[in-house]
Amino acid sequence: MSLLYTPAIELGPCDIGAYRSGDTGIAYVTSFDSGRAGPHVAINALTHGNEVCGAHALCFLFESGVRPVNGRLTLCFANVAAYQRFDADAPFDSRFVDEDFNRVWDADVLDGPRDSSELARAREMRPLVDTVDYLLDLHSTALPNAPMLLCGMQDKGLALARAVGYPARVVIDAGHAAGRRLRDYGPFDDPESPKAAMLVECGQHFDMAAKDAAIETTLRFLRHCGIVDPAFVAAHLRAEPAPQVVTRVTEAVTIESEDFVFARDFAGFEVIPEAGTLIARDGRADVRTPYDDCVLVMPARDLKQGLTAVRLGRIVK
């Protein structure tokens, strides 16, 4: 699908004004402490302002009155400034205000001299994030991809994804050269730390099914962490999910020219049987699959020079 792809908006923003004050001293961040021993679990939404399914999932938890039976549960609306700029006539433009909030989670960046709306918000949230044991970051995709978990590169991330068991697609990847994601911040990506995080892509931004996937993933994550009443989770779960398929990303295709075009429309997770198959042209250069049974992961909508066009991976047998 091309840059001109514009979806119907079945799912738009929801009103999160009631959660502005929170109780943490950080706007739009609320923590519930059970007073009993247990992990600190966080559900994060709106890393990108136009990825509205996460906001709906947190509103579902708030409206359902969910509380931890042990440990601590934090519900966070992250890039609210971008979310509040949402315009249905330009629904992709509220992804961020100044820069991608999901590329600033490196200590050198957070401690450095640079400033932006997103960096200010990340610095505000950072002390709380430092106390989190398990994090679920709720996202969605520009193109109609199947829901997927991005579990990072550490074994503990894959173990967490398998324990949660949903969605059926799991991607092992190192993130982006442009900057570190929240799910890769600090101890979450440290193999020596027990802390772990997952990022879930719930489907196309404005598809109603993305809300369902966000809620389903959140419930199964909370069930695995063991901090909420199992009866609450069981009452809202759908049918058991399909067996998971794990894909390990081996490389990313970075756009080198101002004239990049895919050879055909790709929706994501196509398996290209033969090595050397043409998948795109980047200016005068052909982009071909490097090996047999190459999986195309998250083809991009925004085909700009310097950005990732698509990731290439192998299915883990």
C-alpha atoms as a PDB file:
ATOM      1  CA  MET A   1       0.000   0.000   0.000  1.00  0.00           C
ATOM      2  CA  SER A   2       1.293   3.426  -0.881  1.00  0.00           C
ATOM      3  CA  LEU A   3       1.932   6.612   1.028  1.00  0.00           C
ATOM      4  CA  LEU A   4      -1.516   7.742  -0.092  1.00  0.00           C
ATOM      5  CA  TYR A   5      -3.245   4.953   1.822  1.00  0.00           C
ATOM      6  CA  THR A   6      -5.869   6.549   4.078  1.00  0.00           C
ATOM      7  CA  PRO A   7      -8.083   4.245   6.151  1.00  0.00           C
ATOM      8  CA  ALA A   8     -11.641   4.703   7.296  1.00  0.00           C
ATOM      9  CA  ILE A   9     -11.708   5.870  10.907  1.00  0.00           C
ATOM     10  CA  GLU A  10     -13.786   3.306  12.793  1.00  0.00           C
ATOM     11  CA  LEU A  11     -11.912   3.994  16.041  1.00  0.00           C
ATOM     12  CA  GLY A  12     -11.101   7.547  17.065  1.00  0.00           C
ATOM     13  CA  PRO A  13      -9.825   9.136  20.270  1.00  0.00           C
ATOM     14  CA  CYS A  14     -11.714   8.721  23.532  1.00  0.00           C
ATOM     15  CA  ASP A  15     -12.031  11.281  26.328  1.00  0.00           C
ATOM     16  CA  ILE A  16      -9.226  10.829  28.873  1.00  0.00           C
ATOM     17  CA  GLY A  17      -9.746  14.137  30.683  1.00  0.00           C
ATOM     18  CA  ALA A  18     -10.984  12.422  33.827  1.00  0.00           C
ATOM     19  CA  TYR A  19      -7.553  10.845  34.305  1.00  0.00           C
ATOM     20  CA  ARG A  20      -5.476  14.005  33.998  1.00  0.00           C
ATOM     21  CA  SER A  21      -4.729  14.508  37.695  1.00  0.00           C
ATOM     22  CA  GLY A  22      -3.734  10.906  38.415  1.00  0.00           C
ATOM     23  CA  ASP A  23      -2.137  10.341  41.811  1.00  0.00           C
ATOM     24  CA  THR A  24       1.578  10.204  41.041  1.00  0.00           C
ATOM     25  CA  GLY A  25       2.381  13.880  40.573  1.00  0.00           C
ATOM     26  CA  ILE A  26       2.701  13.149  36.839  1.00  0.00           C
ATOM     27  CA  ALA A  27      -0.248  14.226  34.693  1.00  0.00           C
ATOM     28  CA  TYR A  28      -2.237  11.350  33.195  1.00  0.00           C
ATOM     29  CA  VAL A  29      -0.343   8.725  35.215  1.00  0.00           C
ATOM     30  CA  THR A  30      -2.228   6.787  37.911  1.00  0.00           C
ATOM     31  CA  SER A  31      -0.882   4.094  40.247  1.00  0.00           C
ATOM     32  CA  PHE A  32      -2.874   1.681  42.373  1.00  0.00           C
ATOM     33  CA  ASP A  33      -0.911   0.107  45.234  1.00  0.00           C
ATOM     34  CA  SER A  34      -2.415  -2.997  46.820  1.00  0.00           C
ATOM     35  CA  GLY A  35      -0.343  -2.635  49.977  1.00  0.00           C
ATOM     36  CA  ARG A  36       0.798  -6.240  49.490  1.00  0.00           C
ATOM     37  CA  ALA A  37       4.101  -7.525  48.187  1.00  0.00           C
ATOM     38  CA  GLY A  38       4.286  -7.988  44.449  1.00  0.00           C
ATOM     39  CA  PRO A  39       5.696  -6.547  41.240  1.00  0.00           C
ATOM     40  CA  HIS A  40       5.165  -3.054  39.877  1.00  0.00           C
ATOM     41  CA  VAL A  41       3.333  -3.565  36.586  1.00  0.00           C
ATOM     42  CA  ALA A  42       2.724  -0.715  34.107  1.00  0.00           C
ATOM     43  CA  ILE A  43       0.444  -0.467  31.079  1.00  0.00           C
ATOM     44  CA  ASN A  44       1.502   2.387  28.820  1.00  0.00           C
ATOM     45  CA  ALA A  45      -0.662   3.919  26.092  1.00  0.00           C
ATOM     46  CA  LEU A  46      -0.229   6.781  23.619  1.00  0.00           C
ATOM     47  CA  THR A  47       3.482   6.457  23.061  1.00  0.00           C
ATOM     48  CA  HIS A  48       2.286   7.829  19.727  1.00  0.00           C
ATOM     49  CA  GLY A  49      -0.632  10.243  19.775  1.00  0.00           C
ATOM     50  CA  ASN A  50      -2.525   8.685  16.869  1.00  0.00           C
ATOM     51  CA  GLU A  51      -2.345   5.123  18.264  1.00  0.00           C
ATOM     52  CA  VAL A  52      -5.665   5.438  20.016  1.00  0.00           C
ATOM     53  CA  CYS A  53      -6.385   1.775  20.823  1.00  0.00           C
ATOM     54  CA  GLY A  54      -4.179   1.983  23.908  1.00  0.00           C
ATOM     55  CA  ALA A  55      -6.177   4.886  25.301  1.00  0.00           C
ATOM     56  CA  HIS A  56      -9.361   2.845  24.869  1.00  0.00           C
ATOM     57  CA  ALA A  57      -7.762  -0.127  26.668  1.00  0.00           C
ATOM     58  CA  LEU A  58      -6.772   2.014  29.669  1.00  0.00           C
ATOM     59  CA  CYS A  59     -10.231   3.590  29.785  1.00  0.00           C
ATOM     60  CA  PHE A  60     -11.656   0.061  29.850  1.00  0.00           C
ATOM     61  CA  LEU A  61      -9.514  -0.749  32.899  1.00  0.00           C
ATOM     62  CA  PHE A  62     -10.450   2.471  34.672  1.00  0.00           C
ATOM     63  CA  GLU A  63     -14.158   2.067  33.921  1.00  0.00           C
ATOM     64  CA  SER A  64     -14.061  -1.571  35.043  1.00  0.00           C
ATOM     65  CA  GLY A  65     -12.615  -0.519  38.401  1.00  0.00           C
ATOM     66  CA  VAL A  66      -9.634  -2.848  38.094  1.00  0.00           C
ATOM     67  CA  ARG A  67      -7.318  -2.876  41.132  1.00  0.00           C
ATOM     68  CA  PRO A  68      -4.259  -4.976  41.968  1.00  0.00           C
ATOM     69  CA  VAL A  69      -4.693  -7.742  44.533  1.00  0.00           C
ATOM     70  CA  ASN A  70      -0.950  -7.604  45.165  1.00  0.00           C
ATOM     71  CA  GLY A  71       1.882  -5.392  44.005  1.00  0.00           C
ATOM     72  CA  ARG A  72       1.284  -2.121  42.186  1.00  0.00           C
ATOM     73  CA  LEU A  73      -0.459  -1.288  38.911  1.00  0.00           C
ATOM     74  CA  THR A  74       0.307   1.902  36.958  1.00  0.00           C
ATOM     75  CA  LEU A  75      -1.780   3.129  34.027  1.00  0.00           C
ATOM     76  CA  CYS A  76      -0.067   5.761  31.888  1.00  0.00           C
ATOM     77  CA  PHE A  77      -1.199   7.937  28.997  1.00  0.00           C
ATOM     78  CA  ALA A  78       2.177   9.009  27.607  1.00  0.00           C
ATOM     79  CA  ASN A  79       2.224  11.506  24.725  1.00  0.00           C
ATOM     80  CA  VAL A  80      -1.005  13.312  25.554  1.00  0.00           C
ATOM     81  CA  ALA A  81       0.176  16.520  23.864  1.00  0.00           C
ATOM     82  CA  ALA A  82       0.270  14.689  20.525  1.00  0.00           C
ATOM     83  CA  TYR A  83      -3.021  12.878  21.218  1.00  0.00           C
ATOM     84  CA  GLN A  84      -4.788  16.183  21.822  1.00  0.00           C
ATOM     85  CA  ARG A  85      -3.779  17.342  18.336  1.00  0.00           C
ATOM     86  CA  PHE A  86      -5.691  14.523  16.619  1.00  0.00           C
ATOM     87  CA  ASP A  87      -7.500  15.645  13.463  1.00  0.00           C
ATOM     88  CA  ALA A  88      -9.702  13.145  11.630  1.00  0.00           C
ATOM     89  CA  ASP A  89      -8.889  14.923   8.347  1.00  0.00           C
ATOM     90  CA  ALA A  90      -5.153  14.259   8.891  1.00  0.00           C
ATOM     91  CA  PRO A  91      -5.169  11.265  11.252  1.00  0.00           C
ATOM     92  CA  PHE A  92      -1.486  10.355  10.866  1.00  0.00           C
ATOM     93  CA  ASP A  93      -0.202  13.829  11.774  1.00  0.00           C
ATOM     94  CA  SER A  94      -0.667  13.491  15.548  1.00  0.00           C
ATOM     95  CA  ARG A  95       1.976  10.769  15.924  1.00  0.00           C
ATOM     96  CA  PHE A  96       4.179  13.217  17.830  1.00  0.00           C
ATOM     97  CA  VAL A  97       4.665  16.936  18.442  1.00  0.00           C
ATOM     98  CA  ASP A  98       8.412  17.452  17.870  1.00  0.00           C
ATOM     99  CA  GLU A  99       9.964  14.000  17.591  1.00  0.00           C
ATOM    100  CA  ASP A 100       9.161  10.329  18.067  1.00  0.00           C
ATOM    101  CA  PHE A 101       8.590   9.636  21.776  1.00  0.00           C
ATOM    102  CA  ASN A 102       9.652   6.035  21.133  1.00  0.00           C
ATOM    103  CA  ARG A 103      13.176   6.973  19.996  1.00  0.00           C
ATOM    104  CA  VAL A 104      14.394   8.946  23.044  1.00  0.00           C
ATOM    105  CA  TRP A 105      14.728   6.218  25.711  1.00  0.00           C
ATOM    106  CA  ASP A 106      18.506   6.197  25.940  1.00  0.00           C
ATOM    107  CA  ALA A 107      20.297   7.523  29.011  1.00  0.00           C
ATOM    108  CA  ASP A 108      22.597   9.705  26.917  1.00  0.00           C
ATOM    109  CA  VAL A 109      19.600  11.326  25.217  1.00  0.00           C
ATOM    110  CA  LEU A 110      17.543  11.689  28.389  1.00  0.00           C
ATOM    111  CA  ASP A 111      20.516  13.198  30.251  1.00  0.00           C
ATOM    112  CA  GLY A 112      21.700  15.289  27.298  1.00  0.00           C
ATOM    113  CA  PRO A 113      21.159  18.939  26.389  1.00  0.00           C
ATOM    114  CA  ARG A 114      18.607  18.427  23.625  1.00  0.00           C
ATOM    115  CA  ASP A 115      14.983  19.412  24.285  1.00  0.00           C
ATOM    116  CA  SER A 116      11.574  18.721  22.755  1.00  0.00           C
ATOM    117  CA  SER A 117       8.006  18.124  23.857  1.00  0.00           C
ATOM    118  CA  GLU A 118       8.620  14.374  23.801  1.00  0.00           C
ATOM    119  CA  LEU A 119      11.903  14.559  25.703  1.00  0.00           C
ATOM    120  CA  ALA A 120      10.302  16.710  28.389  1.00  0.00           C
ATOM    121  CA  ARG A 121       7.547  14.123  28.827  1.00  0.00           C
ATOM    122  CA  ALA A 122      10.010  11.213  28.873  1.00  0.00           C
ATOM    123  CA  ARG A 123      12.116  12.951  31.521  1.00  0.00           C
ATOM    124  CA  GLU A 124       8.979  13.551  33.582  1.00  0.00           C
ATOM    125  CA  MET A 125       7.987   9.877  33.371  1.00  0.00           C
ATOM    126  CA  ARG A 126      11.466   8.407  33.771  1.00  0.00           C
ATOM    127  CA  PRO A 127      11.648   8.236  37.609  1.00  0.00           C
ATOM    128  CA  LEU A 128       8.433   6.216  37.672  1.00  0.00           C
ATOM    129  CA  VAL A 129       9.517   3.982  34.763  1.00  0.00           C
ATOM    130  CA  ASP A 130      12.679   3.222  36.742  1.00  0.00           C
ATOM    131  CA  THR A 131      10.515   1.525  39.412  1.00  0.00           C
ATOM    132  CA  VAL A 132       8.543  -0.698  36.987  1.00  0.00           C
ATOM    133  CA  ASP A 133       9.191  -4.451  36.930  1.00  0.00           C
ATOM    134  CA  TYR A 134       6.978  -5.416  33.973  1.00  0.00           C
ATOM    135  CA  LEU A 135       5.847  -3.036  31.228  1.00  0.00           C
ATOM    136  CA  LEU A 136       3.353  -3.448  28.390  1.00  0.00           C
ATOM    137  CA  ASP A 137       3.482  -0.695  25.754  1.00  0.00           C
ATOM    138  CA  LEU A 138       0.347  -0.497  23.586  1.00  0.00           C
ATOM    139  CA  HIS A 139       0.797   0.485  19.927  1.00  0.00           C
ATOM    140  CA  SER A 140      -0.860   0.149  16.530  1.00  0.00           C
ATOM    141  CA  THR A 141       0.295   0.273  12.914  1.00  0.00           C
ATOM    142  CA  ALA A 142      -0.215   2.585   9.948  1.00  0.00           C
ATOM    143  CA  LEU A 143      -0.996  -0.283   7.565  1.00  0.00           C
ATOM    144  CA  PRO A 144      -3.401  -3.179   8.260  1.00  0.00           C
ATOM    145  CA  ASN A 145      -0.893  -5.559   9.879  1.00  0.00           C
ATOM    146  CA  ALA A 146      -1.850  -8.563  11.970  1.00  0.00           C
ATOM    147  CA  PRO A 147      -1.428  -7.878  15.711  1.00  0.00           C
ATOM    148  CA  MET A 148       2.078  -8.733  16.924  1.00  0.00           C
ATOM    149  CA  LEU A 149       4.271  -8.671  20.017  1.00  0.00           C
ATOM    150  CA  LEU A 150       7.712  -7.092  19.704  1.00  0.00           C
ATOM    151  CA  CYS A 151       9.780  -8.726  22.413  1.00  0.00           C
ATOM    152  CA  GLY A 152      13.260  -7.266  21.890  1.00  0.00           C
ATOM    153  CA  MET A 153      16.464  -9.290  21.664  1.00  0.00           C
ATOM    154  CA  GLN A 154      16.793 -10.811  25.134  1.00  0.00           C
ATOM    155  CA  ASP A 155      15.623 -14.315  26.014  1.00  0.00           C
ATOM    156  CA  LYS A 156      13.503 -12.921  28.850  1.00  0.00           C
ATOM    157  CA  GLY A 157      11.492 -10.856  26.363  1.00  0.00           C
ATOM    158  CA  LEU A 158      10.638 -13.903  24.288  1.00  0.00           C
ATOM    159  CA  ALA A 159       9.816 -15.867  27.442  1.00  0.00           C
ATOM    160  CA  LEU A 160       7.427 -13.107  28.510  1.00  0.00           C
ATOM    161  CA  ALA A 161       5.769 -13.049  25.085  1.00  0.00           C
ATOM    162  CA  ARG A 162       5.269 -16.803  25.159  1.00  0.00           C
ATOM    163  CA  ALA A 163       3.884 -16.683  28.699  1.00  0.00           C
ATOM    164  CA  VAL A 164       1.336 -14.038  27.719  1.00  0.00           C
ATOM    165  CA  GLY A 165       0.465 -16.129  24.666  1.00  0.00           C
ATOM    166  CA  TYR A 166      -1.261 -13.443  22.604  1.00  0.00           C
ATOM    167  CA  PRO A 167      -1.203 -12.257  19.868  1.00  0.00           C
ATOM    168  CA  ALA A 168      -0.153 -15.123  17.658  1.00  0.00           C
ATOM    169  CA  ARG A 169       2.651 -13.189  15.949  1.00  0.00           C
ATOM    170  CA  VAL A 170       5.859 -12.567  17.922  1.00  0.00           C
ATOM    171  CA  VAL A 171       8.783 -10.585  16.519  1.00  0.00           C
ATOM    172  CA  ILE A 172      12.333 -10.671  17.892  1.00  0.00           C
ATOM    173  CA  ASP A 173      13.927  -7.380  16.900  1.00  0.00           C
ATOM    174  CA  ALA A 174      16.497  -4.823  18.020  1.00  0.00           C
ATOM    175  CA  GLY A 175      14.404  -1.713  17.496  1.00  0.00           C
ATOM    176  CA  HIS A 176      15.454   1.287  15.426  1.00  0.00           C
ATOM    177  CA  ALA A 177      18.778   2.874  14.543  1.00  0.00           C
ATOM    178  CA  ALA A 178      17.108   6.278  14.992  1.00  0.00           C
ATOM    179  CA  GLY A 179      16.781   5.813  18.764  1.00  0.00           C
ATOM    180  CA  ARG A 180      15.874   3.536  21.639  1.00  0.00           C
ATOM    181  CA  ARG A 181      12.289   2.487  22.331  1.00  0.00           C
ATOM    182  CA  LEU A 182      10.627   2.557  25.741  1.00  0.00           C
ATOM    183  CA  ARG A 183      10.461  -1.251  25.764  1.00  0.00           C
ATOM    184  CA  ASP A 184      14.282  -1.322  25.369  1.00  0.00           C
ATOM    185  CA  TYR A 185      14.981   1.248  28.087  1.00  0.00           C
ATOM    186  CA  GLY A 186      17.585   0.436  30.747  1.00  0.00           C
ATOM    187  CA  PRO A 187      16.977  -2.799  32.673  1.00  0.00           C
ATOM    188  CA  PHE A 188      14.237  -3.966  30.286  1.00  0.00           C
ATOM    189  CA  ASP A 189      16.989  -4.752  27.766  1.00  0.00           C
ATOM    190  CA  ASP A 190      19.576  -5.890  30.316  1.00  0.00           C
ATOM    191  CA  PRO A 191      19.909  -9.694  30.319  1.00  0.00           C
ATOM    192  CA  GLU A 192      21.109  -9.572  33.943  1.00  0.00           C
ATOM    193  CA  SER A 193      17.970  -7.758  35.168  1.00  0.00           C
ATOM    194  CA  PRO A 194      14.711  -9.587  35.949  1.00  0.00           C
ATOM    195  CA  LYS A 195      12.724  -6.605  34.654  1.00  0.00           C
ATOM    196  CA  ALA A 196      11.059  -7.102  31.279  1.00  0.00           C
ATOM    197  CA  ALA A 197       8.881  -5.276  28.773  1.00  0.00           C
ATOM    198  CA  MET A 198       6.829  -5.981  25.679  1.00  0.00           C
ATOM    199  CA  LEU A 199       5.500  -3.798  22.879  1.00  0.00           C
ATOM    200  CA  VAL A 200       2.301  -4.904  21.187  1.00  0.00           C
ATOM    201  CA  GLU A 201       1.169  -3.680  17.793  1.00  0.00           C
ATOM    202  CA  CYS A 202      -2.587  -4.174  17.859  1.00  0.00           C
ATOM    203  CA  GLY A 203      -3.429  -3.713  14.187  1.00  0.00           C
ATOM    204  CA  GLN A 204      -4.305  -0.680  12.069  1.00  0.00           C
ATOM    205  CA  HIS A 205      -4.587   2.556  14.090  1.00  0.00           C
ATOM    206  CA  PHE A 206      -8.245   3.290  13.394  1.00  0.00           C
ATOM    207  CA  ASP A 207      -9.640  -0.230  13.059  1.00  0.00           C
ATOM    208  CA  MET A 208     -12.105  -1.206  15.802  1.00  0.00           C
ATOM    209  CA  ALA A 209     -10.348  -4.570  16.038  1.00  0.00           C
ATOM    210  CA  ALA A 210      -7.228  -2.784  17.334  1.00  0.00           C
ATOM    211  CA  LYS A 211      -9.131  -1.823  20.491  1.00  0.00           C
ATOM    212  CA  ASP A 212     -10.151  -5.454  21.012  1.00  0.00           C
ATOM    213  CA  ALA A 213      -6.554  -6.623  20.532  1.00  0.00           C
ATOM    214  CA  ALA A 214      -5.258  -3.987  22.969  1.00  0.00           C
ATOM    215  CA  ILE A 215      -7.715  -5.063  25.669  1.00  0.00           C
ATOM    216  CA  GLU A 216      -7.089  -8.770  25.067  1.00  0.00           C
ATOM    217  CA  THR A 217      -3.309  -8.354  25.277  1.00  0.00           C
ATOM    218  CA  THR A 218      -3.600  -6.201  28.394  1.00  0.00           C
ATOM    219  CA  LEU A 219      -5.781  -8.744  30.175  1.00  0.00           C
ATOM    220  CA  ARG A 220      -3.487 -11.644  29.339  1.00  0.00           C
ATOM    221  CA  PHE A 221      -0.438  -9.611  30.402  1.00  0.00           C
ATOM    222  CA  LEU A 222      -2.054  -8.763  33.740  1.00  0.00           C
ATOM    223  CA  ARG A 223      -3.052 -12.405  34.218  1.00  0.00           C
ATOM    224  CA  HIS A 224       0.524 -13.523  33.658  1.00  0.00           C
ATOM    225  CA  CYS A 225       1.870 -10.910  36.088  1.00  0.00           C
ATOM    226  CA  GLY A 226      -0.613 -12.213  38.672  1.00  0.00           C
ATOM    227  CA  ILE A 227      -1.596  -8.866  40.159  1.00  0.00           C
ATOM    228  CA  VAL A 228      -5.332  -8.694  39.394  1.00  0.00           C
ATOM    229  CA  ASP A 229      -8.267 -10.930  40.262  1.00  0.00           C
ATOM    230  CA  PRO A 230      -8.190 -13.902  37.839  1.00  0.00           C
ATOM    231  CA  ALA A 231     -11.993 -13.853  37.750  1.00  0.00           C
ATOM    232  CA  PHE A 232     -11.960 -10.318  36.316  1.00  0.00           C
ATOM    233  CA  VAL A 233      -9.608 -11.394  33.552  1.00  0.00           C
ATOM    234  CA  ALA A 234     -11.534 -14.586  32.793  1.00  0.00           C
ATOM    235  CA  ALA A 235     -14.810 -12.672  32.520  1.00  0.00           C
ATOM    236  CA  HIS A 236     -13.481 -10.507  29.675  1.00  0.00           C
ATOM    237  CA  LEU A 237     -11.206 -12.834  27.707  1.00  0.00           C
ATOM    238  CA  ARG A 238     -12.181 -14.078  24.293  1.00  0.00           C
ATOM    239  CA  ALA A 239     -11.502 -17.581  22.912  1.00  0.00           C
ATOM    240  CA  GLU A 240      -8.057 -19.089  23.303  1.00  0.00           C
ATOM    241  CA  PRO A 241      -5.614 -17.646  20.757  1.00  0.00           C
ATOM    242  CA  ALA A 242      -3.901 -19.480  17.927  1.00  0.00           C
ATOM    243  CA  PRO A 243      -0.413 -20.930  18.523  1.00  0.00           C
ATOM    244  CA  GLN A 244       2.305 -18.313  18.328  1.00  0.00           C
ATOM    245  CA  VAL A 245       4.650 -17.966  15.357  1.00  0.00           C
ATOM    246  CA  VAL A 246       7.985 -16.327  16.184  1.00  0.00           C
ATOM    247  CA  THR A 247       9.918 -14.335  13.580  1.00  0.00           C
ATOM    248  CA  ARG A 248      13.477 -13.153  14.177  1.00  0.00           C
ATOM    249  CA  VAL A 249      14.331  -9.941  12.320  1.00  0.00           C
ATOM    250  CA  THR A 250      17.732 -10.232  10.627  1.00  0.00           C
ATOM    251  CA  GLU A 251      17.947  -6.835   8.997  1.00  0.00           C
ATOM    252  CA  ALA A 252      16.038  -3.679   8.186  1.00  0.00           C
ATOM    253  CA  VAL A 253      15.697  -2.059   4.770  1.00  0.00           C
ATOM    254  CA  THR A 254      16.567   1.615   5.191  1.00  0.00           C
ATOM    255  CA  ILE A 255      15.410   3.992   2.462  1.00  0.00           C
ATOM    256  CA  GLU A 256      18.460   5.474   0.754  1.00  0.00           C
ATOM    257  CA  SER A 257      16.872   7.679  -1.908  1.00  0.00           C
ATOM    258  CA  GLU A 258      13.900   9.971  -2.417  1.00  0.00           C
ATOM    259  CA  ASP A 259      12.422   7.513  -4.906  1.00  0.00           C
ATOM    260  CA  PHE A 260      11.578   4.316  -3.009  1.00  0.00           C
ATOM    261  CA  VAL A 261       8.664   2.160  -4.147  1.00  0.00           C
ATOM    262  CA  PHE A 262       7.580  -1.360  -3.223  1.00  0.00           C
ATOM    263  CA  ALA A 263       7.280  -3.838  -6.080  1.00  0.00           C
ATOM    264  CA  ARG A 264       3.701  -4.520  -4.993  1.00  0.00           C
ATOM    265  CA  ASP A 265       1.428  -3.922  -2.040  1.00  0.00           C
ATOM    266  CA  PHE A 266       2.528  -5.739   1.105  1.00  0.00           C
ATOM    267  CA  ALA A 267       0.365  -6.008   4.218  1.00  0.00           C
ATOM    268  CA  GLY A 268       3.002  -7.600   6.449  1.00  0.00           C
ATOM    269  CA  PHE A 269       4.086 -11.157   7.317  1.00  0.00           C
ATOM    270  CA  GLU A 270       4.184 -12.266   3.700  1.00  0.00           C
ATOM    271  CA  VAL A 271       6.657 -15.143   3.341  1.00  0.00           C
ATOM    272  CA  ILE A 272       8.661 -14.765   0.116  1.00  0.00           C
ATOM    273  CA  PRO A 273       9.731 -18.300  -0.885  1.00  0.00           C
ATOM    274  CA  GLU A 274      12.793 -17.570  -3.041  1.00  0.00           C
ATOM    275  CA  ALA A 275      15.955 -15.635  -2.264  1.00  0.00           C
ATOM    276  CA  GLY A 276      16.587 -12.810  -4.720  1.00  0.00           C
ATOM    277  CA  THR A 277      12.927 -11.915  -5.203  1.00  0.00           C
ATOM    278  CA  LEU A 278      12.428  -8.238  -5.996  1.00  0.00           C
ATOM    279  CA  ILE A 279      10.428  -6.519  -3.254  1.00  0.00           C
ATOM    280  CA  ALA A 280      11.211  -2.834  -3.938  1.00  0.00           C
ATOM    281  CA  ARG A 281      13.224  -0.310  -5.910  1.00  0.00           C
ATOM    282  CA  ASP A 282      15.229   2.353  -4.077  1.00  0.00           C
ATOM    283  CA  GLY A 283      16.093   4.882  -6.747  1.00  0.00           C
ATOM    284  CA  ARG A 284      18.034   2.830  -9.287  1.00  0.00           C
ATOM    285  CA  ALA A 285      18.836   0.020  -6.850  1.00  0.00           C
ATOM    286  CA  ASP A 286      16.829  -3.177  -6.556  1.00  0.00           C
ATOM    287  CA  VAL A 287      15.859  -4.416  -3.098  1.00  0.00           C
ATOM    288  CA  ARG A 288      15.694  -8.211  -3.061  1.00  0.00           C
ATOM    289  CA  THR A 289      15.109 -10.864  -0.431  1.00  0.00           C
ATOM    290  CA  PRO A 290      18.424 -12.136   0.996  1.00  0.00           C
ATOM    291  CA  TYR A 291      17.310 -15.729   1.658  1.00  0.00           C
ATOM    292  CA  ASP A 292      14.521 -18.237   1.049  1.00  0.00           C
ATOM    293  CA  ASP A 293      11.300 -17.973   3.068  1.00  0.00           C
ATOM    294  CA  CYS A 294      11.980 -14.345   3.959  1.00  0.00           C
ATOM    295  CA  VAL A 295       9.264 -12.751   6.124  1.00  0.00           C
ATOM    296  CA  LEU A 296       8.335  -9.103   5.525  1.00  0.00           C
ATOM    297  CA  VAL A 297       7.643  -7.424   8.864  1.00  0.00           C
ATOM    298  CA  MET A 298       5.808  -4.101   9.193  1.00  0.00           C
ATOM    299  CA  PRO A 299       6.131  -2.497   5.738  1.00  0.00           C
ATOM    300  CA  ALA A 300       5.971   1.266   6.172  1.00  0.00           C
ATOM    301  CA  ARG A 301       3.385   3.723   4.951  1.00  0.00           C
ATOM    302  CA  ASP A 302       5.690   6.735   5.144  1.00  0.00           C
ATOM    303  CA  LEU A 303       8.425   6.030   2.587  1.00  0.00           C
ATOM    304  CA  LYS A 304      10.900   8.805   3.351  1.00  0.00           C
ATOM    305  CA  GLN A 305      14.661   8.792   2.943  1.00  0.00           C
ATOM    306  CA  GLY A 306      16.428   7.600   6.103  1.00  0.00           C
ATOM    307  CA  LEU A 307      13.428   5.721   7.512  1.00  0.00           C
ATOM    308  CA  THR A 308      12.893   1.962   7.682  1.00  0.00           C
ATOM    309  CA  ALA A 309      10.854   0.668   4.743  1.00  0.00           C
ATOM    310  CA  VAL A 310      10.435  -2.897   6.006  1.00  0.00           C
ATOM    311  CA  ARG A 311      12.170  -5.419   8.242  1.00  0.00           C
ATOM    312  CA  LEU A 312      13.238  -8.827   6.981  1.00  0.00           C
ATOM    313  CA  GLY A 313      13.134 -11.928   9.133  1.00  0.00           C
ATOM    314  CA  ARG A 314      13.112 -15.694   9.450  1.00  0.00           C
ATOM    315  CA  ILE A 315      10.527 -17.830  11.223  1.00  0.00           C
ATOM    316  CA  VAL A 316      12.015 -19.462  14.331  1.00  0.00           C
ATOM    317  CA  LYS A 317      11.359 -23.182  14.031  1.00  0.00           C
END
